[in-house]
N, C-alpha and C. Protein backbone atom coordinates (compact mmCIF):
# COMPACT_ATOMS: atom_id res chain seq x y z
N MET A 1 0.84 -1.17 0.00
CA MET A 1 0.00 0.00 0.00
C MET A 1 0.89 1.24 0.00
N ALA A 2 0.57 2.18 -0.87
CA ALA A 2 1.37 3.41 -0.99
C ALA A 2 1.14 4.32 0.22
N PRO A 3 2.21 5.01 0.62
CA PRO A 3 2.03 5.92 1.76
C PRO A 3 1.07 7.06 1.41
N LYS A 4 0.35 7.48 2.41
CA LYS A 4 -0.60 8.57 2.23
C LYS A 4 0.18 9.88 2.00
N PRO A 5 -0.18 10.64 0.96
CA PRO A 5 0.56 11.89 0.70
C PRO A 5 0.35 12.90 1.82
N ILE A 6 1.40 13.64 2.06
CA ILE A 6 1.33 14.68 3.10
C ILE A 6 0.63 15.89 2.51
N THR A 7 -0.40 16.34 3.18
CA THR A 7 -1.12 17.54 2.75
C THR A 7 -0.51 18.73 3.48
N PRO A 8 0.00 19.71 2.73
CA PRO A 8 0.60 20.86 3.40
C PRO A 8 -0.43 21.60 4.25
N LYS A 9 -0.02 21.93 5.45
CA LYS A 9 -0.87 22.71 6.35
C LYS A 9 -0.19 24.05 6.59
N ARG A 10 -0.98 25.05 6.81
CA ARG A 10 -0.42 26.37 7.12
C ARG A 10 -0.85 26.74 8.53
N ASP A 11 -0.49 25.85 9.47
CA ASP A 11 -0.89 26.04 10.86
C ASP A 11 0.05 26.98 11.61
N GLY A 12 1.32 26.86 11.34
CA GLY A 12 2.30 27.58 12.13
C GLY A 12 2.84 28.81 11.43
N ILE A 13 3.82 29.39 12.08
CA ILE A 13 4.51 30.56 11.53
C ILE A 13 6.01 30.30 11.59
N ALA A 14 6.70 30.58 10.50
CA ALA A 14 8.16 30.49 10.48
C ALA A 14 8.70 31.92 10.36
N PHE A 15 9.53 32.30 11.32
CA PHE A 15 10.16 33.61 11.29
C PHE A 15 11.58 33.46 10.77
N PHE A 16 11.96 34.33 9.85
CA PHE A 16 13.31 34.31 9.29
C PHE A 16 14.00 35.64 9.54
N ASP A 17 15.20 35.56 10.08
CA ASP A 17 16.06 36.73 10.19
C ASP A 17 16.76 36.87 8.85
N LEU A 18 17.17 38.08 8.50
CA LEU A 18 17.77 38.30 7.20
C LEU A 18 19.30 38.23 7.25
N ASP A 19 19.93 39.23 7.81
CA ASP A 19 21.40 39.32 7.77
C ASP A 19 22.05 38.25 8.63
N GLY A 20 22.94 37.50 8.01
CA GLY A 20 23.65 36.45 8.71
C GLY A 20 22.89 35.13 8.76
N THR A 21 21.62 35.13 8.41
CA THR A 21 20.82 33.91 8.41
C THR A 21 20.48 33.52 6.98
N LEU A 22 19.65 34.31 6.32
CA LEU A 22 19.31 34.04 4.92
C LEU A 22 20.27 34.72 3.96
N ARG A 23 20.90 35.76 4.45
CA ARG A 23 21.72 36.60 3.57
C ARG A 23 23.13 36.75 4.13
N GLY A 24 24.12 36.66 3.25
CA GLY A 24 25.50 36.83 3.66
C GLY A 24 25.94 38.27 3.65
N GLY A 25 25.20 39.13 2.98
CA GLY A 25 25.56 40.54 2.89
C GLY A 25 25.00 41.34 4.05
N ASN A 26 25.14 42.64 3.94
CA ASN A 26 24.58 43.53 4.95
C ASN A 26 24.09 44.81 4.28
N LEU A 27 23.81 45.81 5.06
CA LEU A 27 23.27 47.06 4.52
C LEU A 27 24.22 47.78 3.57
N ALA A 28 25.51 47.49 3.65
CA ALA A 28 26.49 48.21 2.81
C ALA A 28 26.16 48.05 1.33
N GLU A 29 25.74 46.85 0.90
CA GLU A 29 25.40 46.66 -0.51
C GLU A 29 24.21 47.52 -0.92
N TRP A 30 23.21 47.59 -0.06
CA TRP A 30 22.02 48.40 -0.34
C TRP A 30 22.38 49.88 -0.40
N PHE A 31 23.16 50.33 0.56
CA PHE A 31 23.57 51.74 0.57
C PHE A 31 24.44 52.06 -0.64
N GLY A 32 25.32 51.13 -1.02
CA GLY A 32 26.13 51.33 -2.21
C GLY A 32 25.28 51.43 -3.47
N PHE A 33 24.24 50.61 -3.53
CA PHE A 33 23.31 50.65 -4.65
C PHE A 33 22.61 52.00 -4.72
N LEU A 34 22.15 52.49 -3.58
CA LEU A 34 21.51 53.81 -3.53
C LEU A 34 22.49 54.91 -3.90
N LYS A 35 23.74 54.76 -3.48
CA LYS A 35 24.78 55.74 -3.84
C LYS A 35 24.98 55.75 -5.35
N SER A 36 25.02 54.58 -5.96
CA SER A 36 25.23 54.50 -7.41
C SER A 36 24.07 55.12 -8.19
N HIS A 37 22.92 55.26 -7.53
CA HIS A 37 21.75 55.90 -8.15
C HIS A 37 21.59 57.35 -7.70
N GLY A 38 22.62 57.89 -7.05
CA GLY A 38 22.64 59.30 -6.69
C GLY A 38 21.83 59.69 -5.46
N LEU A 39 21.37 58.72 -4.68
CA LEU A 39 20.57 59.05 -3.50
C LEU A 39 21.40 59.22 -2.23
N ILE A 40 22.61 58.72 -2.23
CA ILE A 40 23.49 58.87 -1.07
C ILE A 40 24.76 59.58 -1.51
N LYS A 41 25.07 60.66 -0.83
CA LYS A 41 26.26 61.47 -1.14
C LYS A 41 27.52 60.80 -0.61
N ASP A 42 28.67 61.18 -1.16
CA ASP A 42 29.95 60.58 -0.77
C ASP A 42 30.22 60.69 0.73
N ALA A 43 29.97 61.86 1.31
CA ALA A 43 30.25 62.06 2.74
C ALA A 43 29.39 61.13 3.60
N THR A 44 28.13 60.95 3.24
CA THR A 44 27.25 60.05 3.97
C THR A 44 27.70 58.61 3.79
N TRP A 45 28.11 58.27 2.59
CA TRP A 45 28.62 56.92 2.30
C TRP A 45 29.84 56.61 3.17
N ARG A 46 30.76 57.54 3.25
CA ARG A 46 31.96 57.33 4.08
C ARG A 46 31.57 57.17 5.55
N ARG A 47 30.62 57.94 6.00
CA ARG A 47 30.17 57.84 7.39
C ARG A 47 29.52 56.47 7.65
N MET A 48 28.75 55.98 6.69
CA MET A 48 28.13 54.66 6.82
C MET A 48 29.19 53.57 6.91
N LEU A 49 30.23 53.68 6.10
CA LEU A 49 31.32 52.70 6.14
C LEU A 49 32.06 52.76 7.47
N THR A 50 32.23 53.96 8.01
CA THR A 50 32.87 54.12 9.32
C THR A 50 32.03 53.44 10.40
N GLU A 51 30.73 53.64 10.36
CA GLU A 51 29.84 52.98 11.33
C GLU A 51 29.96 51.46 11.23
N ASP A 52 30.04 50.94 10.02
CA ASP A 52 30.18 49.50 9.81
C ASP A 52 31.50 48.99 10.41
N ARG A 53 32.58 49.74 10.18
CA ARG A 53 33.88 49.35 10.74
C ARG A 53 33.86 49.36 12.27
N LEU A 54 33.21 50.36 12.86
CA LEU A 54 33.11 50.44 14.32
C LEU A 54 32.37 49.23 14.88
N LEU A 55 31.32 48.81 14.21
CA LEU A 55 30.57 47.64 14.65
C LEU A 55 31.42 46.38 14.54
N ARG A 56 32.06 46.20 13.41
CA ARG A 56 32.86 44.98 13.18
C ARG A 56 34.05 44.88 14.14
N SER A 57 34.60 46.03 14.53
CA SER A 57 35.74 46.04 15.45
C SER A 57 35.29 45.97 16.91
N LYS A 58 33.98 45.88 17.11
CA LYS A 58 33.37 45.79 18.44
C LYS A 58 33.59 47.04 19.29
N ARG A 59 33.85 48.17 18.62
CA ARG A 59 33.96 49.44 19.34
C ARG A 59 32.59 50.12 19.45
N GLN A 60 31.57 49.47 18.90
CA GLN A 60 30.22 49.99 18.95
C GLN A 60 29.26 48.81 19.01
N ASN A 61 28.24 48.91 19.84
CA ASN A 61 27.29 47.80 19.93
C ASN A 61 26.24 47.91 18.81
N ILE A 62 25.50 46.84 18.62
CA ILE A 62 24.55 46.78 17.51
C ILE A 62 23.43 47.80 17.66
N ARG A 63 23.04 48.08 18.88
CA ARG A 63 21.96 49.06 19.11
C ARG A 63 22.39 50.45 18.66
N GLN A 64 23.60 50.86 19.05
CA GLN A 64 24.11 52.17 18.66
C GLN A 64 24.34 52.23 17.15
N PHE A 65 24.89 51.14 16.60
CA PHE A 65 25.10 51.07 15.15
C PHE A 65 23.78 51.26 14.40
N SER A 66 22.76 50.51 14.82
CA SER A 66 21.47 50.58 14.14
C SER A 66 20.88 51.98 14.19
N THR A 67 20.95 52.61 15.34
CA THR A 67 20.44 53.98 15.46
C THR A 67 21.20 54.93 14.56
N ASN A 68 22.53 54.85 14.59
CA ASN A 68 23.35 55.76 13.78
C ASN A 68 23.13 55.54 12.29
N ILE A 69 23.11 54.28 11.87
CA ILE A 69 23.02 53.98 10.44
C ILE A 69 21.64 54.36 9.90
N MET A 70 20.59 54.13 10.69
CA MET A 70 19.26 54.49 10.21
C MET A 70 19.05 56.00 10.20
N ASN A 71 19.70 56.73 11.11
CA ASN A 71 19.66 58.19 11.05
C ASN A 71 20.34 58.69 9.79
N LEU A 72 21.47 58.09 9.43
CA LEU A 72 22.15 58.46 8.19
C LEU A 72 21.27 58.15 6.98
N TYR A 73 20.65 56.99 7.00
CA TYR A 73 19.76 56.56 5.92
C TYR A 73 18.60 57.54 5.76
N ALA A 74 17.96 57.87 6.87
CA ALA A 74 16.82 58.79 6.83
C ALA A 74 17.24 60.16 6.34
N GLY A 75 18.40 60.63 6.80
CA GLY A 75 18.89 61.93 6.36
C GLY A 75 19.22 61.95 4.88
N ALA A 76 19.79 60.86 4.40
CA ALA A 76 20.17 60.78 2.98
C ALA A 76 18.94 60.77 2.08
N LEU A 77 17.86 60.17 2.54
CA LEU A 77 16.67 60.03 1.71
C LEU A 77 15.60 61.08 2.00
N LYS A 78 15.93 62.05 2.83
CA LYS A 78 14.95 63.09 3.17
C LYS A 78 14.42 63.74 1.89
N GLY A 79 13.10 63.75 1.77
CA GLY A 79 12.45 64.37 0.62
C GLY A 79 12.29 63.47 -0.59
N VAL A 80 12.83 62.26 -0.56
CA VAL A 80 12.72 61.33 -1.69
C VAL A 80 11.38 60.58 -1.59
N PRO A 81 10.61 60.50 -2.65
CA PRO A 81 9.35 59.74 -2.59
C PRO A 81 9.62 58.27 -2.27
N ILE A 82 8.81 57.72 -1.40
CA ILE A 82 8.96 56.33 -0.99
C ILE A 82 8.86 55.40 -2.19
N THR A 83 8.00 55.71 -3.12
CA THR A 83 7.83 54.85 -4.29
C THR A 83 9.13 54.73 -5.08
N ALA A 84 9.93 55.78 -5.10
CA ALA A 84 11.22 55.72 -5.81
C ALA A 84 12.16 54.73 -5.13
N VAL A 85 12.18 54.74 -3.80
CA VAL A 85 13.04 53.82 -3.06
C VAL A 85 12.52 52.39 -3.19
N GLU A 86 11.21 52.22 -3.16
CA GLU A 86 10.62 50.88 -3.34
C GLU A 86 10.97 50.32 -4.72
N HIS A 87 10.93 51.15 -5.73
CA HIS A 87 11.30 50.71 -7.08
C HIS A 87 12.76 50.27 -7.13
N LEU A 88 13.65 51.04 -6.51
CA LEU A 88 15.06 50.67 -6.47
C LEU A 88 15.27 49.38 -5.68
N ALA A 89 14.51 49.19 -4.60
CA ALA A 89 14.62 47.96 -3.82
C ALA A 89 14.24 46.75 -4.66
N THR A 90 13.21 46.88 -5.47
CA THR A 90 12.80 45.79 -6.37
C THR A 90 13.91 45.48 -7.36
N ASP A 91 14.55 46.51 -7.90
CA ASP A 91 15.68 46.30 -8.82
C ASP A 91 16.85 45.64 -8.10
N PHE A 92 17.13 46.08 -6.88
CA PHE A 92 18.25 45.56 -6.09
C PHE A 92 18.12 44.06 -5.85
N VAL A 93 16.94 43.61 -5.44
CA VAL A 93 16.78 42.19 -5.10
C VAL A 93 16.84 41.26 -6.31
N GLN A 94 16.78 41.81 -7.51
CA GLN A 94 16.91 41.00 -8.71
C GLN A 94 18.36 40.74 -9.09
N GLN A 95 19.30 41.32 -8.34
CA GLN A 95 20.72 41.19 -8.65
C GLN A 95 21.41 40.33 -7.59
N PRO A 96 21.60 39.03 -7.87
CA PRO A 96 22.15 38.11 -6.89
C PRO A 96 23.51 38.52 -6.34
N ASP A 97 24.34 39.16 -7.19
CA ASP A 97 25.66 39.57 -6.72
C ASP A 97 25.57 40.65 -5.65
N LEU A 98 24.50 41.40 -5.62
CA LEU A 98 24.29 42.42 -4.59
C LEU A 98 23.50 41.86 -3.40
N LEU A 99 22.50 41.04 -3.68
CA LEU A 99 21.64 40.52 -2.62
C LEU A 99 22.37 39.54 -1.71
N LYS A 100 23.23 38.71 -2.27
CA LYS A 100 24.08 37.78 -1.52
C LYS A 100 23.31 36.84 -0.59
N MET A 101 22.25 36.24 -1.11
CA MET A 101 21.49 35.27 -0.33
C MET A 101 22.29 33.97 -0.27
N HIS A 102 22.22 33.28 0.86
CA HIS A 102 22.87 31.98 0.98
C HIS A 102 22.17 30.99 0.05
N GLU A 103 22.92 29.98 -0.40
CA GLU A 103 22.37 29.00 -1.34
C GLU A 103 21.15 28.27 -0.79
N PHE A 104 21.13 28.04 0.51
CA PHE A 104 20.03 27.29 1.11
C PHE A 104 18.78 28.15 1.34
N ALA A 105 18.90 29.47 1.23
CA ALA A 105 17.80 30.37 1.61
C ALA A 105 16.53 30.14 0.81
N GLU A 106 16.64 30.15 -0.51
CA GLU A 106 15.43 30.02 -1.33
C GLU A 106 14.75 28.67 -1.15
N PRO A 107 15.48 27.53 -1.21
CA PRO A 107 14.80 26.25 -1.00
C PRO A 107 14.17 26.14 0.40
N LEU A 108 14.84 26.68 1.41
CA LEU A 108 14.30 26.62 2.76
C LEU A 108 13.01 27.44 2.88
N VAL A 109 13.04 28.65 2.37
CA VAL A 109 11.85 29.50 2.43
C VAL A 109 10.71 28.88 1.62
N ASN A 110 11.02 28.34 0.45
CA ASN A 110 9.98 27.69 -0.37
C ASN A 110 9.36 26.51 0.37
N LEU A 111 10.18 25.71 1.03
CA LEU A 111 9.68 24.58 1.81
C LEU A 111 8.74 25.06 2.90
N MET A 112 9.17 26.08 3.62
CA MET A 112 8.35 26.59 4.71
C MET A 112 7.09 27.29 4.20
N ASN A 113 7.17 27.93 3.04
CA ASN A 113 5.98 28.56 2.44
C ASN A 113 4.87 27.54 2.20
N ASP A 114 5.26 26.29 1.88
CA ASP A 114 4.28 25.24 1.64
C ASP A 114 3.59 24.75 2.91
N HIS A 115 4.22 25.00 4.06
CA HIS A 115 3.72 24.41 5.30
C HIS A 115 3.22 25.40 6.34
N CYS A 116 3.60 26.65 6.21
CA CYS A 116 3.20 27.60 7.24
C CYS A 116 3.29 29.04 6.72
N ILE A 117 2.87 29.94 7.54
CA ILE A 117 3.00 31.37 7.24
C ILE A 117 4.47 31.72 7.44
N THR A 118 5.06 32.45 6.50
CA THR A 118 6.46 32.83 6.62
C THR A 118 6.58 34.34 6.77
N THR A 119 7.41 34.74 7.72
CA THR A 119 7.58 36.16 8.03
C THR A 119 9.06 36.49 8.09
N LEU A 120 9.45 37.53 7.37
CA LEU A 120 10.81 38.05 7.41
C LEU A 120 10.85 39.11 8.50
N VAL A 121 11.78 38.95 9.45
CA VAL A 121 11.93 39.90 10.55
C VAL A 121 13.36 40.43 10.49
N THR A 122 13.50 41.75 10.36
CA THR A 122 14.83 42.32 10.19
C THR A 122 14.86 43.78 10.62
N GLY A 123 16.04 44.26 10.90
CA GLY A 123 16.24 45.67 11.18
C GLY A 123 16.51 46.46 9.92
N GLN A 124 16.46 45.81 8.78
CA GLN A 124 16.68 46.48 7.51
C GLN A 124 15.51 47.42 7.21
N PRO A 125 15.74 48.42 6.37
CA PRO A 125 14.64 49.30 5.98
C PRO A 125 13.49 48.50 5.35
N ILE A 126 12.28 48.91 5.66
CA ILE A 126 11.09 48.18 5.23
C ILE A 126 11.00 48.04 3.71
N GLU A 127 11.45 49.05 2.98
CA GLU A 127 11.36 48.98 1.51
C GLU A 127 12.18 47.82 0.96
N LEU A 128 13.38 47.64 1.49
CA LEU A 128 14.23 46.53 1.07
C LEU A 128 13.67 45.21 1.59
N SER A 129 13.23 45.20 2.84
CA SER A 129 12.68 43.98 3.44
C SER A 129 11.47 43.47 2.66
N ARG A 130 10.57 44.37 2.30
CA ARG A 130 9.38 43.97 1.54
C ARG A 130 9.75 43.39 0.18
N ALA A 131 10.72 44.01 -0.48
CA ALA A 131 11.14 43.52 -1.80
C ALA A 131 11.71 42.11 -1.69
N ILE A 132 12.49 41.85 -0.64
CA ILE A 132 13.06 40.51 -0.44
C ILE A 132 11.95 39.52 -0.11
N ALA A 133 11.05 39.90 0.78
CA ALA A 133 9.94 39.01 1.14
C ALA A 133 9.09 38.66 -0.08
N ARG A 134 8.80 39.65 -0.92
CA ARG A 134 8.03 39.39 -2.15
C ARG A 134 8.78 38.44 -3.08
N LYS A 135 10.08 38.66 -3.23
CA LYS A 135 10.89 37.82 -4.13
C LYS A 135 10.81 36.35 -3.72
N PHE A 136 10.77 36.09 -2.41
CA PHE A 136 10.76 34.72 -1.92
C PHE A 136 9.37 34.23 -1.54
N GLY A 137 8.32 34.97 -1.88
CA GLY A 137 6.95 34.53 -1.65
C GLY A 137 6.56 34.46 -0.19
N MET A 138 7.20 35.23 0.66
CA MET A 138 6.86 35.21 2.08
C MET A 138 5.51 35.88 2.33
N THR A 139 4.88 35.47 3.40
CA THR A 139 3.56 35.97 3.74
C THR A 139 3.60 37.37 4.32
N ASP A 140 4.62 37.66 5.13
CA ASP A 140 4.66 38.93 5.84
C ASP A 140 6.11 39.38 6.00
N CYS A 141 6.25 40.62 6.42
CA CYS A 141 7.57 41.21 6.56
C CYS A 141 7.53 42.28 7.65
N MET A 142 8.57 42.30 8.47
CA MET A 142 8.70 43.34 9.50
C MET A 142 10.09 43.94 9.39
N GLY A 143 10.15 45.24 9.15
CA GLY A 143 11.42 45.94 9.03
C GLY A 143 11.28 47.36 9.56
N ASP A 144 12.37 48.10 9.56
CA ASP A 144 12.35 49.47 10.08
C ASP A 144 11.61 50.41 9.15
N ARG A 145 10.75 51.22 9.74
CA ARG A 145 10.02 52.26 8.99
C ARG A 145 10.57 53.61 9.42
N ILE A 146 10.96 54.41 8.46
CA ILE A 146 11.53 55.72 8.79
C ILE A 146 10.98 56.78 7.85
N ARG A 147 9.69 56.90 7.82
CA ARG A 147 9.11 57.87 6.90
C ARG A 147 7.91 58.56 7.53
N ASP A 148 7.51 59.60 6.91
CA ASP A 148 6.32 60.35 7.29
C ASP A 148 5.18 59.81 6.44
N LYS A 149 4.32 59.01 7.02
CA LYS A 149 3.24 58.36 6.26
C LYS A 149 2.30 59.38 5.63
N GLU A 150 2.11 60.50 6.30
CA GLU A 150 1.18 61.50 5.79
C GLU A 150 1.65 62.10 4.47
N TRP A 151 2.94 62.30 4.32
CA TRP A 151 3.46 62.97 3.12
C TRP A 151 4.06 62.01 2.11
N ASP A 152 4.23 60.75 2.49
CA ASP A 152 4.81 59.76 1.59
C ASP A 152 6.22 60.14 1.15
N LEU A 153 6.95 60.78 2.07
CA LEU A 153 8.35 61.15 1.84
C LEU A 153 9.16 60.73 3.05
N TYR A 154 10.45 60.56 2.84
CA TYR A 154 11.33 60.30 3.97
C TYR A 154 11.49 61.57 4.78
N TRP A 155 11.68 61.40 6.05
CA TRP A 155 11.92 62.54 6.92
C TRP A 155 13.22 62.34 7.65
N GLN A 156 13.67 63.31 8.40
CA GLN A 156 15.02 63.34 8.93
C GLN A 156 15.29 62.38 10.09
N SER A 157 14.41 62.28 11.05
CA SER A 157 14.78 61.54 12.25
C SER A 157 14.27 60.10 12.24
N PHE A 158 14.91 59.30 13.04
CA PHE A 158 14.58 57.88 13.19
C PHE A 158 14.34 57.63 14.66
N ASP A 159 13.25 56.97 15.01
CA ASP A 159 12.95 56.67 16.41
C ASP A 159 13.27 55.23 16.72
């Protein structure tokens, strides 16, 4: 007698972290991409790289790094329509050399998509997080929001 086929159930939830778990890269690739499209100035880019070096050398903790880097991000994108950044995020995730997802990431997420609700949880900007979640067919996404919803533009400060 043949074994009974397994019917996929979507009972549970699988949470996926992005950096260091599904992805080998970090925010530097995304910021570099934005710089190449003229949204990040050289001085801000250098400051972002300095923040990254401070974190890697353990002279700065992740909380301080995240606050500093997102303030730089918000300042760089002040006045830019969110739709423009979302469009660039969609372009970014189509480039494997920039996205740097681990080889196991897509098959693992696809497997979990068949069996449960999948949610990407990350400190990355929401525009990038959503684009990655869409690319991999995830159900939901949680990332940093740093915009003025009323005006649909980026604003200066990050909370």
